[in-house]
Every structure is written in C-alpha cells, then in structure tokens.
Amino acid sequence: MAKKDTKKKQREFINRKVFHDYEVSDILEVGIELKGSEVKSIRAGRVNLKDSFVRIIKNEMFVLNMHISLLETTHTSYRPAEDRARKLLLHRKQINKFFQKVSQDGYTIVVTKLYFNDKNMVKLNIGLGKGKKLHDKRQSLKEKDLKRESSRILKEWNR
C-alpha cells in the first residue's frame, strides 16, 4: 500500500515591501528565539514583518520591529511585549560575515520571510539589502506591469 502524502500547508509570511525597497542578496535561513505564546500567535497568523529589520548588538543578531500580536487566551501575568527585540540563532562565522558587509559596503540586514519548517520550528529568512533609488523602483514596477500584461494577452490568445 502506498503512503498518502498528507503534508499540511504550512503558514508562510513574506515581507513584500523589502523586495520593493531593496535589492536583496545572500538570503540565509536562521532560527529565532520566541516565547510559547508567540509561537501560538504566529500559527494564528498574527504577525507583521512590514517594518522589521536586523541589528547586530554585542556580537549577537536581533530582529527589531517585528510585531507579533498577543492572543486573547494568553494569561494576563505572562504577556511578552508585542514588538520586543528577538534574538536570532546563527553561528559566529555567519554573524561576522554579515557584520563585515554591513559595516563596509553600506548594506542593511532585512527580514524577507517567516515560516514553519518541516520539523515545525519557526524559521526566519534574512538577507543583505542594498537600498533602491527611486528610478530603480519605477523600473521594477514597469517590468512587473509588462510581465502581467504579457501573461494576460497570452491567456486571452490561448482561449
């Protein structure tokens, strides 16, 4: 008897604003240190990555401005701050590599995606972002519009 592939669709939160404002390179999957109620909130979809970014503080990486809303079922005496700094779990060599790029080349570390991996662990994708100029943003919007228009025309043509 063949086994059924009963893989559940995992929740995935993508920060689309980052790809509009930055040219992202060197994307890396990292772990994140969370409290128990925060994991439940992420499962419920109560997370906002829009303005989040990463800073290196005392040779440790922290994600800042990542807003995880509280659940109503969380006990009143145990409620972590919704937008607190959360520690990222990386190796020392990886932190040093990011620190070197950020300090010399004018890059910033941005959060691109938050998701649950196969082992149900919360993972975060971070990358090095180089800020886009206004004309670069306009160019990327034009390319996106052209791609959408061409796919629409092809779809109509195939009917």
Protein backbone atom coordinates (compact mmCIF):
# COMPACT_ATOMS: atom_id res chain seq x y z
CA MET A 1 0.00 0.00 0.00
CA ALA A 2 1.35 3.40 -0.92
CA LYS A 3 1.54 6.05 1.76
CA LYS A 4 -0.60 9.11 1.27
CA ASP A 5 1.20 12.40 1.12
CA THR A 6 -0.65 14.23 3.88
CA LYS A 7 1.64 17.22 4.03
CA LYS A 8 -0.15 20.18 5.59
CA LYS A 9 0.24 23.57 4.02
CA GLN A 10 2.44 25.50 6.41
CA ARG A 11 1.88 29.16 7.16
CA GLU A 12 4.34 31.47 5.46
CA PHE A 13 4.64 35.24 5.89
CA ILE A 14 6.51 37.15 3.19
CA ASN A 15 7.72 40.73 3.55
CA ARG A 16 6.87 42.09 0.09
CA LYS A 17 7.89 45.64 0.95
CA VAL A 18 11.52 44.54 1.26
CA PHE A 19 11.67 43.42 -2.37
CA HIS A 20 10.23 46.78 -3.44
CA ASP A 21 12.65 48.90 -1.37
CA TYR A 22 15.84 46.80 -1.51
CA GLU A 23 17.86 44.60 -3.81
CA VAL A 24 18.18 41.51 -1.62
CA SER A 25 21.13 39.12 -1.82
CA ASP A 26 22.69 36.42 0.40
CA ILE A 27 19.44 35.10 1.85
CA LEU A 28 20.01 32.88 4.88
CA GLU A 29 17.66 30.73 6.98
CA VAL A 30 18.04 31.40 10.72
CA GLY A 31 16.31 30.34 13.88
CA ILE A 32 14.56 32.76 16.20
CA GLU A 33 14.14 32.75 19.98
CA LEU A 34 10.44 33.03 20.87
CA LYS A 35 8.16 32.60 23.88
CA GLY A 36 5.43 29.94 23.81
CA SER A 37 2.52 32.31 23.35
CA GLU A 38 4.34 33.99 20.44
CA VAL A 39 4.52 30.68 18.57
CA LYS A 40 0.78 30.23 19.02
CA SER A 41 0.20 33.76 17.75
CA ILE A 42 2.31 33.07 14.64
CA ARG A 43 0.28 29.92 13.98
CA ALA A 44 -2.86 32.05 14.21
CA GLY A 45 -1.38 34.45 11.63
CA ARG A 46 -0.96 37.43 13.93
CA VAL A 47 2.45 38.62 12.74
CA ASN A 48 3.59 41.73 10.86
CA LEU A 49 7.01 41.87 9.17
CA LYS A 50 6.48 45.14 7.32
CA ASP A 51 8.96 47.40 9.15
CA SER A 52 11.20 44.73 10.66
CA PHE A 53 14.98 44.82 10.35
CA VAL A 54 18.02 43.17 11.93
CA ARG A 55 20.75 44.77 14.03
CA ILE A 56 23.98 43.34 15.41
CA ILE A 57 24.30 44.20 19.11
CA LYS A 58 27.28 42.92 21.13
CA ASN A 59 28.11 40.18 18.59
CA GLU A 60 24.53 38.91 18.59
CA MET A 61 21.82 39.47 16.00
CA PHE A 62 18.39 40.75 16.97
CA VAL A 63 15.31 41.34 14.84
CA LEU A 64 13.61 44.62 15.72
CA ASN A 65 10.12 46.00 14.94
CA MET A 66 8.68 42.56 14.18
CA HIS A 67 5.17 42.79 15.61
CA ILE A 68 3.59 39.60 16.96
CA SER A 69 0.14 40.33 18.37
CA LEU A 70 -0.98 38.62 21.54
CA LEU A 71 -3.71 36.00 21.67
CA GLU A 72 -6.73 36.55 23.88
CA THR A 73 -6.03 33.22 25.58
CA THR A 74 -2.61 34.33 26.84
CA HIS A 75 -2.52 34.67 30.61
CA THR A 76 -2.54 38.28 31.82
CA SER A 77 0.53 37.90 34.02
CA TYR A 78 2.53 36.39 31.14
CA ARG A 79 2.38 38.68 28.14
CA PRO A 80 5.67 39.47 26.39
CA ALA A 81 5.92 42.82 24.62
CA GLU A 82 4.49 42.61 21.12
CA ASP A 83 7.37 44.39 19.38
CA ARG A 84 10.29 43.37 21.58
CA ALA A 85 13.75 42.58 20.21
CA ARG A 86 14.03 38.87 19.42
CA LYS A 87 17.37 37.08 19.29
CA LEU A 88 18.38 35.27 16.09
CA LEU A 89 20.24 31.97 16.24
CA LEU A 90 23.31 31.95 13.97
CA HIS A 91 26.87 30.69 14.01
CA ARG A 92 29.63 33.16 14.87
CA LYS A 93 31.11 32.97 11.33
CA GLN A 94 27.76 33.91 9.81
CA ILE A 95 27.38 36.88 12.16
CA ASN A 96 30.90 38.06 11.32
CA LYS A 97 30.19 37.79 7.58
CA PHE A 98 27.04 39.89 7.89
CA PHE A 99 28.80 42.40 10.16
CA GLN A 100 31.62 42.86 7.65
CA LYS A 101 29.18 43.52 4.78
CA VAL A 102 27.02 45.90 6.81
CA SER A 103 29.89 47.95 8.22
CA GLN A 104 31.87 48.39 4.98
CA ASP A 105 29.65 48.11 1.93
CA GLY A 106 26.57 50.07 3.05
CA TYR A 107 24.21 47.10 3.20
CA THR A 108 21.44 46.56 5.71
CA ILE A 109 20.09 43.27 7.03
CA VAL A 110 16.40 42.80 6.25
CA VAL A 111 13.78 40.16 7.06
CA THR A 112 12.28 38.54 3.96
CA LYS A 113 10.16 35.63 5.22
CA LEU A 114 8.89 33.92 8.38
CA TYR A 115 7.66 30.31 8.22
CA PHE A 116 7.49 26.91 9.90
CA ASN A 117 9.93 24.31 8.56
CA ASP A 118 9.35 20.55 8.23
CA LYS A 119 10.08 20.00 11.93
CA ASN A 120 7.54 22.70 12.94
CA MET A 121 10.26 25.11 14.03
CA VAL A 122 9.82 28.81 13.34
CA LYS A 123 12.43 29.97 10.85
CA LEU A 124 13.24 33.40 9.51
CA ASN A 125 14.88 34.27 6.19
CA ILE A 126 17.17 37.27 6.35
CA GLY A 127 19.19 38.84 3.59
CA LEU A 128 21.55 41.65 2.78
CA GLY A 129 19.67 44.53 1.25
CA LYS A 130 21.04 47.42 -0.77
CA GLY A 131 18.57 50.30 -0.96
CA LYS A 132 17.00 51.04 -4.34
CA LYS A 133 16.84 54.53 -5.79
CA LEU A 134 13.51 55.96 -6.95
CA HIS A 135 14.23 55.29 -10.63
CA ASP A 136 15.11 51.65 -9.81
CA LYS A 137 11.75 51.22 -8.08
CA ARG A 138 9.97 52.69 -11.09
CA GLN A 139 11.86 50.38 -13.43
CA SER A 140 10.93 47.30 -11.40
CA LEU A 141 7.27 48.39 -11.38
CA LYS A 142 7.37 48.82 -15.18
CA GLU A 143 8.85 45.34 -15.61
CA LYS A 144 6.21 43.85 -13.34
CA ASP A 145 3.41 45.59 -15.29
CA LEU A 146 4.83 44.40 -18.62
CA LYS A 147 5.06 40.84 -17.35
CA ARG A 148 1.48 40.93 -16.07
CA GLU A 149 0.23 42.45 -19.34
CA SER A 150 2.04 39.87 -21.49
CA SER A 151 0.70 36.98 -19.42
CA ARG A 152 -2.82 38.40 -19.72
CA ILE A 153 -2.50 38.69 -23.52
CA LEU A 154 -1.14 35.14 -23.79
CA LYS A 155 -4.01 33.87 -21.69
CA GLU A 156 -6.53 35.56 -23.97
CA TRP A 157 -4.74 34.28 -27.05
CA ASN A 158 -4.91 30.66 -25.86
CA ARG A 159 -8.69 30.78 -25.34
